[in-house]
Amino acid sequence: MLVQIFLPDQTSEEITTMGSTSDKIKGKTNEVVGKARQAVGKAADNHEEQAKGSVQEARGKAQVAKGEAKDAVRKVVDKHEQ
């Protein structure tokens, strides 16, 4: 269930767009950093660092998916508001 709280001077598009873009940027950053950590861990034969990188990459993918879901919800809401 999606619940949004609107401030009097903000539209749903302003709130969702800012959030979805931020989620996608943070997610892509986590994906890249996670992959780098995995590579460093592999090169150093450090399994713990590889695992941490894998977790960070997965977290990034989830953040990107969250941003994309917000975009999809915004499109549905916009369609029904017209």
N, C-alpha and C. Protein backbone atom coordinates (compact mmCIF):
# COMPACT_ATOMS: atom_id res chain seq x y z
N MET A 1 0.84 -1.18 0.00
CA MET A 1 0.00 0.00 0.00
C MET A 1 0.88 1.23 0.00
N LEU A 2 0.59 2.17 -0.87
CA LEU A 2 1.35 3.40 -0.99
C LEU A 2 0.57 4.51 -0.31
N VAL A 3 1.24 5.20 0.59
CA VAL A 3 0.62 6.33 1.28
C VAL A 3 1.50 7.54 1.06
N GLN A 4 0.92 8.62 0.57
CA GLN A 4 1.68 9.85 0.40
C GLN A 4 1.04 10.94 1.21
N ILE A 5 1.89 11.75 1.78
CA ILE A 5 1.43 12.93 2.52
C ILE A 5 1.84 14.14 1.69
N PHE A 6 0.89 14.97 1.35
CA PHE A 6 1.17 16.14 0.53
C PHE A 6 1.22 17.39 1.38
N LEU A 7 2.24 18.17 1.15
CA LEU A 7 2.30 19.48 1.76
C LEU A 7 1.44 20.40 0.90
N PRO A 8 0.87 21.45 1.47
CA PRO A 8 -0.09 22.27 0.72
C PRO A 8 0.43 22.81 -0.62
N ASP A 9 1.72 23.07 -0.74
CA ASP A 9 2.23 23.69 -1.96
C ASP A 9 2.95 22.70 -2.88
N GLN A 10 2.80 21.39 -2.67
CA GLN A 10 3.47 20.41 -3.50
C GLN A 10 2.46 19.51 -4.20
N THR A 11 2.78 19.16 -5.45
CA THR A 11 1.93 18.24 -6.19
C THR A 11 2.51 16.84 -6.08
N SER A 12 1.72 15.85 -6.43
CA SER A 12 2.21 14.47 -6.39
C SER A 12 3.37 14.28 -7.34
N GLU A 13 3.36 14.96 -8.47
CA GLU A 13 4.44 14.82 -9.45
C GLU A 13 5.76 15.34 -8.88
N GLU A 14 5.73 16.48 -8.19
CA GLU A 14 6.95 17.04 -7.62
C GLU A 14 7.54 16.10 -6.57
N ILE A 15 6.71 15.57 -5.73
CA ILE A 15 7.17 14.70 -4.65
C ILE A 15 7.71 13.40 -5.20
N THR A 16 6.98 12.75 -6.09
CA THR A 16 7.37 11.44 -6.60
C THR A 16 8.58 11.55 -7.51
N THR A 17 8.64 12.55 -8.37
CA THR A 17 9.75 12.68 -9.30
C THR A 17 11.05 12.87 -8.56
N MET A 18 11.06 13.73 -7.58
CA MET A 18 12.28 13.96 -6.82
C MET A 18 12.71 12.68 -6.13
N GLY A 19 11.80 11.98 -5.53
CA GLY A 19 12.13 10.76 -4.82
C GLY A 19 12.60 9.65 -5.73
N SER A 20 11.96 9.49 -6.88
CA SER A 20 12.33 8.40 -7.77
C SER A 20 13.71 8.63 -8.37
N THR A 21 14.00 9.85 -8.75
CA THR A 21 15.31 10.16 -9.31
C THR A 21 16.40 9.94 -8.28
N SER A 22 16.16 10.39 -7.08
CA SER A 22 17.12 10.21 -5.99
C SER A 22 17.36 8.73 -5.72
N ASP A 23 16.30 7.95 -5.68
CA ASP A 23 16.43 6.51 -5.45
C ASP A 23 17.26 5.85 -6.55
N LYS A 24 17.00 6.24 -7.79
CA LYS A 24 17.71 5.63 -8.91
C LYS A 24 19.20 6.01 -8.91
N ILE A 25 19.50 7.26 -8.59
CA ILE A 25 20.90 7.69 -8.54
C ILE A 25 21.64 6.98 -7.41
N LYS A 26 21.04 6.97 -6.22
CA LYS A 26 21.67 6.28 -5.09
C LYS A 26 21.83 4.79 -5.38
N GLY A 27 20.83 4.23 -6.03
CA GLY A 27 20.89 2.81 -6.36
C GLY A 27 22.01 2.48 -7.32
N LYS A 28 22.13 3.27 -8.38
CA LYS A 28 23.20 3.04 -9.36
C LYS A 28 24.57 3.22 -8.70
N THR A 29 24.68 4.20 -7.81
CA THR A 29 25.94 4.42 -7.09
C THR A 29 26.27 3.20 -6.24
N ASN A 30 25.30 2.68 -5.51
CA ASN A 30 25.54 1.49 -4.70
C ASN A 30 25.89 0.28 -5.55
N GLU A 31 25.26 0.15 -6.70
CA GLU A 31 25.60 -0.96 -7.60
C GLU A 31 27.06 -0.89 -8.03
N VAL A 32 27.51 0.29 -8.47
CA VAL A 32 28.88 0.46 -8.95
C VAL A 32 29.88 0.24 -7.82
N VAL A 33 29.61 0.84 -6.66
CA VAL A 33 30.52 0.68 -5.52
C VAL A 33 30.54 -0.78 -5.07
N GLY A 34 29.41 -1.42 -5.07
CA GLY A 34 29.34 -2.83 -4.69
C GLY A 34 30.16 -3.72 -5.62
N LYS A 35 30.05 -3.47 -6.92
CA LYS A 35 30.83 -4.24 -7.89
C LYS A 35 32.33 -4.00 -7.69
N ALA A 36 32.69 -2.76 -7.40
CA ALA A 36 34.10 -2.43 -7.16
C ALA A 36 34.61 -3.15 -5.90
N ARG A 37 33.80 -3.15 -4.86
CA ARG A 37 34.20 -3.84 -3.62
C ARG A 37 34.38 -5.33 -3.86
N GLN A 38 33.50 -5.89 -4.68
CA GLN A 38 33.64 -7.31 -5.00
C GLN A 38 34.95 -7.57 -5.74
N ALA A 39 35.29 -6.70 -6.69
CA ALA A 39 36.53 -6.85 -7.44
C ALA A 39 37.75 -6.72 -6.54
N VAL A 40 37.72 -5.75 -5.64
CA VAL A 40 38.83 -5.56 -4.70
C VAL A 40 38.94 -6.78 -3.79
N GLY A 41 37.82 -7.24 -3.31
CA GLY A 41 37.82 -8.43 -2.45
C GLY A 41 38.35 -9.65 -3.16
N LYS A 42 37.98 -9.80 -4.42
CA LYS A 42 38.46 -10.95 -5.19
C LYS A 42 39.96 -10.85 -5.41
N ALA A 43 40.44 -9.65 -5.76
CA ALA A 43 41.87 -9.45 -6.01
C ALA A 43 42.70 -9.69 -4.74
N ALA A 44 42.14 -9.32 -3.59
CA ALA A 44 42.85 -9.47 -2.32
C ALA A 44 42.54 -10.81 -1.65
N ASP A 45 41.75 -11.64 -2.31
CA ASP A 45 41.31 -12.91 -1.75
C ASP A 45 40.64 -12.70 -0.39
N ASN A 46 39.81 -11.65 -0.33
CA ASN A 46 39.10 -11.28 0.89
C ASN A 46 37.62 -11.58 0.68
N HIS A 47 37.18 -12.71 1.18
CA HIS A 47 35.80 -13.16 0.96
C HIS A 47 34.79 -12.26 1.67
N GLU A 48 35.17 -11.70 2.79
CA GLU A 48 34.26 -10.82 3.51
C GLU A 48 33.98 -9.56 2.69
N GLU A 49 35.02 -8.98 2.09
CA GLU A 49 34.83 -7.79 1.27
C GLU A 49 34.01 -8.12 0.02
N GLN A 50 34.23 -9.28 -0.55
CA GLN A 50 33.41 -9.71 -1.69
C GLN A 50 31.94 -9.80 -1.30
N ALA A 51 31.69 -10.36 -0.14
CA ALA A 51 30.30 -10.51 0.33
C ALA A 51 29.67 -9.15 0.59
N LYS A 52 30.42 -8.25 1.21
CA LYS A 52 29.90 -6.90 1.47
C LYS A 52 29.59 -6.19 0.15
N GLY A 53 30.45 -6.38 -0.83
CA GLY A 53 30.20 -5.79 -2.15
C GLY A 53 28.96 -6.35 -2.80
N SER A 54 28.77 -7.64 -2.65
CA SER A 54 27.58 -8.28 -3.21
C SER A 54 26.31 -7.74 -2.56
N VAL A 55 26.35 -7.57 -1.25
CA VAL A 55 25.20 -7.02 -0.53
C VAL A 55 24.93 -5.59 -0.97
N GLN A 56 25.99 -4.80 -1.11
CA GLN A 56 25.82 -3.40 -1.52
C GLN A 56 25.26 -3.31 -2.94
N GLU A 57 25.73 -4.18 -3.82
CA GLU A 57 25.20 -4.20 -5.19
C GLU A 57 23.71 -4.56 -5.18
N ALA A 58 23.33 -5.55 -4.38
CA ALA A 58 21.92 -5.94 -4.29
C ALA A 58 21.07 -4.81 -3.73
N ARG A 59 21.61 -4.11 -2.73
CA ARG A 59 20.90 -2.96 -2.16
C ARG A 59 20.67 -1.91 -3.24
N GLY A 60 21.69 -1.69 -4.06
CA GLY A 60 21.56 -0.72 -5.15
C GLY A 60 20.50 -1.12 -6.15
N LYS A 61 20.45 -2.38 -6.50
CA LYS A 61 19.43 -2.85 -7.44
C LYS A 61 18.03 -2.66 -6.86
N ALA A 62 17.90 -2.87 -5.56
CA ALA A 62 16.60 -2.67 -4.91
C ALA A 62 16.22 -1.19 -4.92
N GLN A 63 17.20 -0.31 -4.70
CA GLN A 63 16.91 1.13 -4.73
C GLN A 63 16.47 1.58 -6.12
N VAL A 64 17.14 1.07 -7.14
CA VAL A 64 16.75 1.41 -8.52
C VAL A 64 15.33 0.92 -8.78
N ALA A 65 15.02 -0.28 -8.36
CA ALA A 65 13.66 -0.83 -8.54
C ALA A 65 12.63 0.02 -7.81
N LYS A 66 12.99 0.49 -6.62
CA LYS A 66 12.08 1.36 -5.86
C LYS A 66 11.81 2.65 -6.63
N GLY A 67 12.85 3.24 -7.21
CA GLY A 67 12.67 4.46 -8.01
C GLY A 67 11.81 4.21 -9.22
N GLU A 68 12.01 3.09 -9.87
CA GLU A 68 11.20 2.75 -11.05
C GLU A 68 9.74 2.50 -10.65
N ALA A 69 9.54 1.90 -9.50
CA ALA A 69 8.17 1.67 -9.02
C ALA A 69 7.47 3.00 -8.73
N LYS A 70 8.21 3.93 -8.15
CA LYS A 70 7.64 5.25 -7.88
C LYS A 70 7.23 5.92 -9.19
N ASP A 71 8.07 5.78 -10.21
CA ASP A 71 7.73 6.35 -11.52
C ASP A 71 6.45 5.72 -12.07
N ALA A 72 6.34 4.41 -11.95
CA ALA A 72 5.15 3.71 -12.46
C ALA A 72 3.89 4.17 -11.72
N VAL A 73 3.99 4.31 -10.42
CA VAL A 73 2.84 4.78 -9.63
C VAL A 73 2.46 6.19 -10.05
N ARG A 74 3.48 7.03 -10.24
CA ARG A 74 3.21 8.41 -10.64
C ARG A 74 2.47 8.45 -11.97
N LYS A 75 2.87 7.60 -12.92
CA LYS A 75 2.20 7.57 -14.22
C LYS A 75 0.75 7.16 -14.09
N VAL A 76 0.47 6.18 -13.24
CA VAL A 76 -0.92 5.74 -13.03
C VAL A 76 -1.74 6.85 -12.39
N VAL A 77 -1.16 7.49 -11.38
CA VAL A 77 -1.88 8.58 -10.69
C VAL A 77 -2.14 9.71 -11.66
N ASP A 78 -1.12 10.08 -12.42
CA ASP A 78 -1.29 11.17 -13.40
C ASP A 78 -2.37 10.85 -14.42
N LYS A 79 -2.42 9.60 -14.86
CA LYS A 79 -3.42 9.18 -15.85
C LYS A 79 -4.83 9.33 -15.29
N HIS A 80 -4.99 8.99 -14.01
CA HIS A 80 -6.32 9.04 -13.39
C HIS A 80 -6.71 10.45 -12.95
N GLU A 81 -5.73 11.32 -12.81
CA GLU A 81 -6.03 12.71 -12.43
C GLU A 81 -6.54 13.52 -13.60
N GLN A 82 -6.28 13.05 -14.83
CA GLN A 82 -6.68 13.82 -16.02
C GLN A 82 -8.13 13.71 -16.33
